[in-house]
Amino acid sequence: MADTQQIEDEQQQQIEHIRLAVRQLCAKYGEEYWLEMDRTLGYPSDFVKELTDAGFLGVLIPEQYGGSGLGVLEAAAVMEEVCRSGAHAGVCHAQMYVMGSVLRHGNEAQKTAYLPKIARGELRLQSFGVTEPTTGTNTTSLKTTARKRGDSYVINGQKVWISRIQHSDLMVLLARTQDQDKVSKKTDGLSAFIVDVKAAEGNGLEIRPIDAMINHHSCELFFDDLEIPAANLLGEEGKGFKVILDGMNAERILIAAECVGDGRYFVDKASAYANERNVFDRPIGQNQGVQFPIARSYTQVEAASLMVEKAARLFDAGQPCGAEANMAKLLASEASWQAGDVCMQTHGGFAFAKEYHIERKFRETRLYQIAPISTNLILSYVAEHVLGLPRSY
């Protein structure tokens, strides 16, 4: 028992060191920097490079491939601190978890070829090519095809809401290698591939940016006889759904951690403003109508943080964590959104001024009610897989 406690204490100390180091790095990129990125639809290449060079985006890559070999608990601390600083983690978070598809399902040649370069920042793998305009979250009905032709696969179809593709060297693509009406299980017949984005663009891949509510660098993709080497198949042909599914728990835990960071950002901002802003000769935070919503938001964010930690510890221990990962994402995204609303209300009209930065973060955290999975789908998952209720879809 003493040894276990010592290990936990040492891990906690390491996490605190990580948090401090991330805060110090983020302090060099203040909120004016992120406001400018938002205004110009810019991509923060210098920030992402420094985060990579410091080893933070390679936290989950094993040491043998040049990473830190740490767990999702440590990775979650990185993402939380990035968001709490006022930064937009959506510009880089996928660099952490997309590589998991290669790590868990790639052959040794693929892992050796890609993972060390990803860890060093020589390659960016931060895009999943899954969502389609006509199928959305109904992934097993996707229509993009990959047909075997000699030593190649030929890709045709369309994807949408594919983030960071213009700032990524590689993409993990999910496509249909067997027609839907010819498979016995609806999850069969899909295959995952590693796509060299730079080589593909203009040679069968067209990328069109989407003008969206937040600066998430999302695009629509059009595949017209894009030819990729058969060696780029990731895992087993026809079993690509599992390749994608395996990375979802880590993705949801990390994004939940980002929402905790957002929530803490909003609570920090609201508390500071409520102490500083004087109306009717006293700070507005003295009014229970102002302080109670902030206190409630703080409580909700702290509760969500505990679920994130529980899910991360289960993931790192190799134990089932689907329910916990989903619940962490639901609780944290709702807590951050509520905290954002309270922060807006606390600031009143000034919240709408871009110079206060709150409206940008308010827009950014709203995304996670919908992506990478909607709140309603999480509720369906919990109803069916935890409570044993009939499947609703």
Protein backbone atom coordinates (compact mmCIF):
# COMPACT_ATOMS: atom_id res chain seq x y z
CA MET A 1 0.00 0.00 0.00
CA ALA A 2 2.86 2.36 0.87
CA ASP A 3 4.51 1.72 -2.50
CA THR A 4 1.24 2.44 -4.30
CA GLN A 5 0.85 5.72 -2.41
CA GLN A 6 4.42 6.69 -3.23
CA ILE A 7 3.83 6.02 -6.92
CA GLU A 8 0.66 8.12 -6.86
CA ASP A 9 2.46 10.95 -5.03
CA GLU A 10 5.30 10.91 -7.55
CA GLN A 11 2.84 10.93 -10.43
CA GLN A 12 0.98 13.87 -8.90
CA GLN A 13 4.25 15.78 -8.51
CA GLN A 14 5.08 15.09 -12.15
CA ILE A 15 1.64 16.32 -13.23
CA GLU A 16 2.11 19.52 -11.24
CA HIS A 17 5.47 20.06 -12.95
CA ILE A 18 3.78 19.54 -16.32
CA ARG A 19 1.04 22.02 -15.44
CA LEU A 20 3.55 24.67 -14.40
CA ALA A 21 5.66 24.19 -17.53
CA VAL A 22 2.59 24.42 -19.81
CA ARG A 23 1.40 27.57 -18.02
CA GLN A 24 4.82 29.17 -18.47
CA LEU A 25 4.87 28.31 -22.17
CA CYS A 26 1.33 29.58 -22.73
CA ALA A 27 2.12 32.84 -20.92
CA LYS A 28 4.31 33.78 -23.89
CA TYR A 29 1.21 33.64 -26.09
CA GLY A 30 -1.25 35.95 -24.42
CA GLU A 31 -4.88 36.46 -25.22
CA GLU A 32 -4.11 39.20 -27.74
CA TYR A 33 -2.23 36.57 -29.74
CA TRP A 34 -5.30 34.32 -29.80
CA LEU A 35 -7.57 37.25 -30.61
CA GLU A 36 -5.41 37.99 -33.65
CA MET A 37 -5.54 34.34 -34.74
CA ASP A 38 -9.32 34.46 -34.47
CA ARG A 39 -9.65 37.75 -36.37
CA THR A 40 -7.39 36.67 -39.22
CA LEU A 41 -8.36 32.97 -39.26
CA GLY A 42 -4.67 32.34 -38.70
CA TYR A 43 -3.00 29.13 -37.59
CA PRO A 44 -0.64 29.43 -34.58
CA SER A 45 2.27 27.53 -36.09
CA ASP A 46 4.80 29.04 -33.67
CA PHE A 47 2.73 28.05 -30.63
CA VAL A 48 2.17 24.51 -31.92
CA LYS A 49 5.87 24.15 -32.74
CA GLU A 50 6.94 25.27 -29.29
CA LEU A 51 4.41 22.96 -27.64
CA THR A 52 5.76 20.10 -29.78
CA ASP A 53 9.42 20.94 -29.19
CA ALA A 54 8.77 20.94 -25.44
CA GLY A 55 7.46 17.38 -25.77
CA PHE A 56 3.90 18.12 -24.69
CA LEU A 57 2.20 16.86 -27.86
CA GLY A 58 4.23 13.64 -27.75
CA VAL A 59 3.17 12.76 -24.22
CA LEU A 60 1.28 9.63 -25.32
CA ILE A 61 3.94 8.32 -27.73
CA PRO A 62 6.06 5.56 -26.15
CA GLU A 63 9.69 6.35 -25.37
CA GLN A 64 10.92 3.78 -27.89
CA TYR A 65 9.39 5.96 -30.62
CA GLY A 66 10.73 9.23 -29.23
CA GLY A 67 7.81 10.30 -27.05
CA SER A 68 7.42 10.73 -23.30
CA GLY A 69 5.61 7.45 -22.75
CA LEU A 70 3.18 8.99 -20.28
CA GLY A 71 -0.54 8.46 -19.90
CA VAL A 72 -3.82 10.15 -20.70
CA LEU A 73 -3.85 11.59 -17.16
CA GLU A 74 -0.72 13.61 -17.96
CA ALA A 75 -1.96 14.47 -21.45
CA ALA A 76 -5.23 15.73 -19.95
CA ALA A 77 -3.26 18.06 -17.66
CA VAL A 78 -1.53 19.56 -20.72
CA MET A 79 -4.79 20.20 -22.57
CA GLU A 80 -6.51 21.59 -19.50
CA GLU A 81 -3.76 24.12 -18.85
CA VAL A 82 -3.65 25.20 -22.49
CA CYS A 83 -7.36 26.04 -22.35
CA ARG A 84 -7.24 27.62 -18.92
CA SER A 85 -4.58 30.02 -20.21
CA GLY A 86 -7.04 31.36 -22.79
CA ALA A 87 -5.52 29.46 -25.73
CA HIS A 88 -7.47 27.40 -28.24
CA ALA A 89 -6.42 23.76 -27.87
CA GLY A 90 -8.44 22.78 -30.93
CA VAL A 91 -5.51 23.87 -33.09
CA CYS A 92 -3.38 20.97 -31.89
CA HIS A 93 -5.14 18.48 -29.61
CA ALA A 94 -5.54 15.84 -32.33
CA GLN A 95 -1.75 15.62 -32.66
CA MET A 96 -1.95 13.81 -29.33
CA TYR A 97 -4.66 11.23 -30.00
CA VAL A 98 -4.85 10.58 -33.76
CA MET A 99 -1.44 8.92 -33.61
CA GLY A 100 -3.04 6.32 -31.32
CA SER A 101 -4.52 4.67 -34.41
CA VAL A 102 -1.01 4.11 -35.74
CA LEU A 103 0.34 3.08 -32.35
CA ARG A 104 -2.37 0.50 -31.65
CA HIS A 105 -3.10 -0.77 -35.15
CA GLY A 106 -0.11 0.06 -37.33
CA ASN A 107 2.48 -2.54 -38.25
CA GLU A 108 6.04 -2.07 -37.03
CA ALA A 109 7.16 -0.50 -40.29
CA GLN A 110 4.41 2.13 -40.04
CA LYS A 111 5.11 2.86 -36.39
CA THR A 112 8.84 3.19 -37.01
CA ALA A 113 8.30 5.39 -40.06
CA TYR A 114 5.80 7.80 -38.53
CA LEU A 115 5.81 7.93 -34.73
CA PRO A 116 9.37 9.26 -34.15
CA LYS A 117 8.80 12.02 -36.71
CA ILE A 118 5.47 12.89 -35.12
CA ALA A 119 7.15 13.04 -31.70
CA ARG A 120 9.87 15.36 -33.07
CA GLY A 121 7.36 17.54 -34.87
CA GLU A 122 8.72 16.68 -38.33
CA LEU A 123 5.31 15.29 -39.25
CA ARG A 124 1.90 16.44 -38.15
CA LEU A 125 -0.83 13.81 -37.93
CA GLN A 126 -3.82 15.73 -36.63
CA SER A 127 -6.76 14.90 -38.89
CA PHE A 128 -9.35 12.11 -38.90
CA GLY A 129 -11.18 11.75 -42.23
CA VAL A 130 -14.43 10.20 -41.02
CA THR A 131 -17.50 12.50 -41.10
CA GLU A 132 -19.50 12.81 -44.33
CA PRO A 133 -22.21 15.29 -45.37
CA THR A 134 -24.97 12.71 -45.71
CA THR A 135 -24.16 10.36 -42.84
CA GLY A 136 -22.84 12.54 -39.99
CA THR A 137 -22.39 10.44 -36.86
CA ASN A 138 -23.89 7.39 -38.58
CA THR A 139 -20.37 6.27 -39.39
CA THR A 140 -21.24 2.72 -40.48
CA SER A 141 -23.23 4.15 -43.41
CA LEU A 142 -20.44 6.26 -44.85
CA LYS A 143 -20.14 6.24 -48.64
CA THR A 144 -16.54 7.14 -49.46
CA THR A 145 -15.00 4.11 -51.17
CA ALA A 146 -11.52 2.63 -51.38
CA ARG A 147 -11.20 0.06 -54.17
CA LYS A 148 -8.15 -2.20 -54.41
CA ARG A 149 -6.31 -1.86 -57.72
CA GLY A 150 -3.04 -3.79 -57.85
CA ASP A 151 -0.70 -2.39 -55.20
CA SER A 152 -2.92 0.63 -54.59
CA TYR A 153 -6.30 1.71 -53.29
CA VAL A 154 -8.34 4.24 -55.27
CA ILE A 155 -10.39 6.63 -53.13
CA ASN A 156 -13.60 8.35 -54.22
CA GLY A 157 -16.08 10.28 -52.11
CA GLN A 158 -16.49 13.27 -49.85
CA LYS A 159 -15.78 14.23 -46.23
CA VAL A 160 -16.82 17.26 -44.21
CA TRP A 161 -15.75 19.05 -41.00
CA ILE A 162 -12.23 17.67 -41.27
CA SER A 163 -10.20 19.91 -39.00
CA ARG A 164 -6.56 21.04 -39.37
CA ILE A 165 -6.15 19.18 -42.67
CA GLN A 166 -4.39 22.20 -44.20
CA HIS A 167 -1.92 22.11 -41.32
CA SER A 168 -1.35 18.37 -41.25
CA ASP A 169 1.05 16.19 -43.21
CA LEU A 170 -0.91 12.99 -42.66
CA MET A 171 -4.53 12.00 -42.18
CA VAL A 172 -6.18 8.80 -40.97
CA LEU A 173 -8.98 8.17 -43.46
CA LEU A 174 -11.94 5.81 -43.04
CA ALA A 175 -13.42 4.50 -46.29
CA ARG A 176 -15.59 1.63 -47.50
CA THR A 177 -13.72 -1.32 -49.00
CA GLN A 178 -16.80 -3.54 -49.17
CA ASP A 179 -20.33 -2.51 -50.11
CA GLN A 180 -22.70 -2.08 -47.18
CA ASP A 181 -25.21 -4.62 -48.52
CA LYS A 182 -22.50 -7.30 -48.67
CA VAL A 183 -21.42 -7.29 -45.00
CA SER A 184 -22.99 -9.33 -42.21
CA LYS A 185 -22.20 -6.73 -39.53
CA LYS A 186 -22.72 -3.05 -40.24
CA THR A 187 -19.35 -2.24 -38.66
CA ASP A 188 -17.56 -4.46 -41.20
CA GLY A 189 -16.42 -3.44 -44.66
CA LEU A 190 -14.74 -0.19 -43.55
CA SER A 191 -10.98 0.25 -43.67
CA ALA A 192 -8.57 2.83 -42.28
CA PHE A 193 -5.69 4.32 -44.25
CA ILE A 194 -2.79 6.67 -43.68
CA VAL A 195 -2.97 9.40 -46.32
CA ASP A 196 -0.04 11.65 -47.23
CA VAL A 197 -2.01 14.90 -47.45
CA LYS A 198 0.68 16.93 -49.19
CA ALA A 199 1.16 14.33 -51.92
CA ALA A 200 -2.59 13.80 -52.32
CA GLU A 201 -3.71 17.42 -52.67
CA GLY A 202 -4.06 18.26 -56.36
CA ASN A 203 -3.69 14.60 -57.29
CA GLY A 204 -7.18 13.38 -56.50
CA LEU A 205 -7.79 15.31 -53.28
CA GLU A 206 -9.40 18.76 -53.22
CA ILE A 207 -9.57 20.68 -49.93
CA ARG A 208 -12.13 23.45 -49.41
CA PRO A 209 -12.08 25.48 -46.17
CA ILE A 210 -15.39 26.01 -44.35
CA ASP A 211 -16.23 29.49 -43.10
CA ALA A 212 -17.38 28.64 -39.58
CA MET A 213 -18.34 30.15 -36.24
CA ILE A 214 -14.94 29.40 -34.69
CA ASN A 215 -11.40 29.32 -36.03
CA HIS A 216 -11.17 25.51 -36.04
CA HIS A 217 -9.65 25.22 -39.53
CA SER A 218 -12.31 22.77 -40.72
CA CYS A 219 -12.59 21.77 -44.35
CA GLU A 220 -14.58 19.78 -46.85
CA LEU A 221 -12.68 17.10 -48.78
CA PHE A 222 -13.40 15.76 -52.25
CA PHE A 223 -11.74 12.53 -53.44
CA ASP A 224 -11.64 11.86 -57.18
CA ASP A 225 -9.66 8.71 -57.98
CA LEU A 226 -7.05 9.45 -55.35
CA GLU A 227 -4.51 6.63 -55.48
CA ILE A 228 -2.67 5.63 -52.32
CA PRO A 229 -0.27 2.72 -51.74
CA ALA A 230 -1.78 -0.50 -50.39
CA ALA A 231 0.95 -0.38 -47.74
CA ASN A 232 -0.91 2.59 -46.21
CA LEU A 233 -3.72 0.32 -45.00
CA LEU A 234 -3.91 0.71 -41.22
CA GLY A 235 -4.78 -2.53 -39.50
CA GLU A 236 -6.85 -5.20 -41.22
CA GLU A 237 -8.94 -4.55 -44.32
CA GLY A 238 -12.63 -4.35 -43.48
CA LYS A 239 -11.93 -3.77 -39.77
CA GLY A 240 -11.26 -0.04 -39.88
CA PHE A 241 -14.22 0.84 -37.69
CA LYS A 242 -12.34 -0.63 -34.71
CA VAL A 243 -9.26 1.42 -35.63
CA ILE A 244 -11.28 4.60 -35.34
CA LEU A 245 -13.31 3.45 -32.34
CA ASP A 246 -10.22 2.64 -30.28
CA GLY A 247 -9.11 6.25 -30.33
CA MET A 248 -12.44 7.71 -29.29
CA ASN A 249 -12.12 7.21 -25.53
CA ALA A 250 -8.78 9.04 -25.42
CA GLU A 251 -10.21 11.81 -27.60
CA ARG A 252 -13.24 12.27 -25.36
CA ILE A 253 -11.18 12.32 -22.17
CA LEU A 254 -8.77 14.90 -23.56
CA ILE A 255 -11.53 17.12 -24.88
CA ALA A 256 -13.30 16.82 -21.53
CA ALA A 257 -10.06 18.03 -19.92
CA GLU A 258 -10.06 20.99 -22.32
CA CYS A 259 -13.61 21.81 -21.25
CA VAL A 260 -12.49 21.73 -17.62
CA GLY A 261 -9.78 24.19 -18.60
CA ASP A 262 -12.32 26.39 -20.36
CA GLY A 263 -14.62 26.20 -17.34
CA ARG A 264 -11.84 27.25 -14.99
CA TYR A 265 -10.90 30.06 -17.36
CA PHE A 266 -14.47 31.39 -17.23
CA VAL A 267 -14.74 31.03 -13.44
CA ASP A 268 -11.39 32.82 -13.01
CA LYS A 269 -12.49 35.67 -15.28
CA ALA A 270 -15.93 36.01 -13.71
CA SER A 271 -14.57 35.96 -10.15
CA ALA A 272 -11.92 38.57 -10.91
CA TYR A 273 -14.37 40.88 -12.64
CA ALA A 274 -17.01 40.47 -9.91
CA ASN A 275 -14.41 41.60 -7.36
CA GLU A 276 -13.18 44.55 -9.43
CA ARG A 277 -16.39 45.93 -10.93
CA ASN A 278 -18.12 48.46 -8.67
CA VAL A 279 -21.74 49.46 -9.17
CA PHE A 280 -23.82 51.34 -6.58
CA ASP A 281 -20.65 51.88 -4.52
CA ARG A 282 -19.82 48.21 -4.00
CA PRO A 283 -18.35 45.28 -5.94
CA ILE A 284 -20.96 43.39 -7.93
CA GLY A 285 -19.60 40.15 -6.49
CA GLN A 286 -21.08 41.14 -3.15
CA ASN A 287 -24.52 40.49 -4.61
CA GLN A 288 -25.69 36.91 -4.22
CA GLY A 289 -27.37 37.16 -7.62
CA VAL A 290 -23.86 37.49 -9.08
CA GLN A 291 -21.86 35.26 -6.75
CA PHE A 292 -24.21 32.28 -6.61
CA PRO A 293 -24.03 31.47 -10.36
CA ILE A 294 -20.23 31.72 -10.27
CA ALA A 295 -20.07 29.45 -7.23
CA ARG A 296 -22.40 26.96 -8.90
CA SER A 297 -20.24 26.96 -12.05
CA TYR A 298 -17.13 26.37 -9.96
CA THR A 299 -18.83 23.39 -8.29
CA GLN A 300 -19.92 21.92 -11.62
CA VAL A 301 -16.45 22.29 -13.16
CA GLU A 302 -14.79 20.66 -10.14
CA ALA A 303 -17.22 17.73 -10.31
CA ALA A 304 -16.54 17.29 -14.02
CA SER A 305 -12.80 17.35 -13.32
CA LEU A 306 -13.17 14.36 -10.98
CA MET A 307 -14.91 12.36 -13.72
CA VAL A 308 -12.16 13.27 -16.19
CA GLU A 309 -9.56 12.03 -13.73
CA LYS A 310 -11.48 8.80 -13.13
CA ALA A 311 -11.82 8.13 -16.86
CA ALA A 312 -8.13 8.90 -17.48
CA ARG A 313 -6.96 6.59 -14.69
CA LEU A 314 -9.12 3.75 -16.03
CA PHE A 315 -7.80 4.32 -19.56
CA ASP A 316 -4.18 4.31 -18.37
CA ALA A 317 -4.79 1.13 -16.39
CA GLY A 318 -6.09 -0.59 -19.52
CA GLN A 319 -9.55 -1.01 -18.01
CA PRO A 320 -12.91 -0.44 -19.77
CA CYS A 321 -13.73 3.26 -19.62
CA GLY A 322 -16.30 3.89 -22.36
CA ALA A 323 -18.99 5.02 -19.94
CA GLU A 324 -16.61 7.17 -17.91
CA ALA A 325 -15.05 8.78 -21.00
CA ASN A 326 -18.48 9.63 -22.37
CA MET A 327 -19.78 10.94 -19.04
CA ALA A 328 -16.63 13.02 -18.53
CA LYS A 329 -17.11 14.63 -21.92
CA LEU A 330 -20.80 15.31 -21.28
CA LEU A 331 -20.32 16.74 -17.78
CA ALA A 332 -17.28 18.85 -18.69
CA SER A 333 -18.76 20.27 -21.89
CA GLU A 334 -21.97 21.23 -20.09
CA ALA A 335 -20.04 22.71 -17.14
CA SER A 336 -17.80 24.79 -19.41
CA TRP A 337 -20.75 26.05 -21.44
CA GLN A 338 -22.63 27.01 -18.28
CA ALA A 339 -19.53 28.70 -16.85
CA GLY A 340 -19.15 30.59 -20.11
CA ASP A 341 -22.73 31.79 -19.91
CA VAL A 342 -22.22 32.90 -16.30
CA CYS A 343 -19.02 34.71 -17.26
CA MET A 344 -20.84 36.51 -20.06
CA GLN A 345 -23.65 37.51 -17.69
CA THR A 346 -21.20 38.69 -15.03
CA HIS A 347 -19.43 40.98 -17.50
CA GLY A 348 -22.67 42.27 -18.96
CA GLY A 349 -22.24 44.28 -22.13
CA PHE A 350 -18.46 44.19 -21.93
CA ALA A 351 -18.58 40.43 -22.54
CA PHE A 352 -19.51 41.16 -26.15
CA ALA A 353 -16.41 43.27 -26.72
CA LYS A 354 -13.71 41.19 -28.38
CA GLU A 355 -11.00 42.91 -26.35
CA TYR A 356 -12.29 41.08 -23.25
CA HIS A 357 -11.71 37.72 -25.05
CA ILE A 358 -14.71 36.05 -23.40
CA GLU A 359 -16.92 35.88 -26.49
CA ARG A 360 -14.20 34.00 -28.40
CA LYS A 361 -13.83 31.38 -25.69
CA PHE A 362 -17.63 31.27 -25.39
CA ARG A 363 -17.86 30.33 -29.08
CA GLU A 364 -15.04 27.82 -28.84
CA THR A 365 -16.40 25.92 -25.85
CA ARG A 366 -19.89 25.74 -27.41
CA LEU A 367 -18.54 23.33 -30.01
CA TYR A 368 -18.17 20.54 -27.49
CA GLN A 369 -21.90 20.15 -27.00
CA ILE A 370 -21.80 18.79 -30.56
CA ALA A 371 -18.31 17.51 -31.32
CA PRO A 372 -16.64 15.09 -31.39
CA ILE A 373 -19.91 13.47 -30.34
CA SER A 374 -23.18 15.16 -29.46
CA THR A 375 -24.58 15.22 -25.95
CA ASN A 376 -27.66 13.27 -27.06
CA LEU A 377 -25.57 10.40 -28.42
CA ILE A 378 -23.72 10.21 -25.11
CA LEU A 379 -27.04 10.00 -23.29
CA SER A 380 -28.10 7.22 -25.67
CA TYR A 381 -24.86 5.37 -24.92
CA VAL A 382 -25.33 5.63 -21.16
CA ALA A 383 -29.00 4.61 -21.42
CA GLU A 384 -28.19 1.50 -23.45
CA HIS A 385 -24.78 0.37 -22.20
CA VAL A 386 -24.96 1.42 -18.55
CA LEU A 387 -28.64 1.37 -17.68
CA GLY A 388 -29.65 -1.54 -19.94
CA LEU A 389 -32.42 0.37 -21.70
CA PRO A 390 -33.47 -0.59 -25.25
CA ARG A 391 -31.34 0.73 -28.10
CA SER A 392 -32.91 3.93 -29.41
CA TYR A 393 -31.35 4.07 -32.87
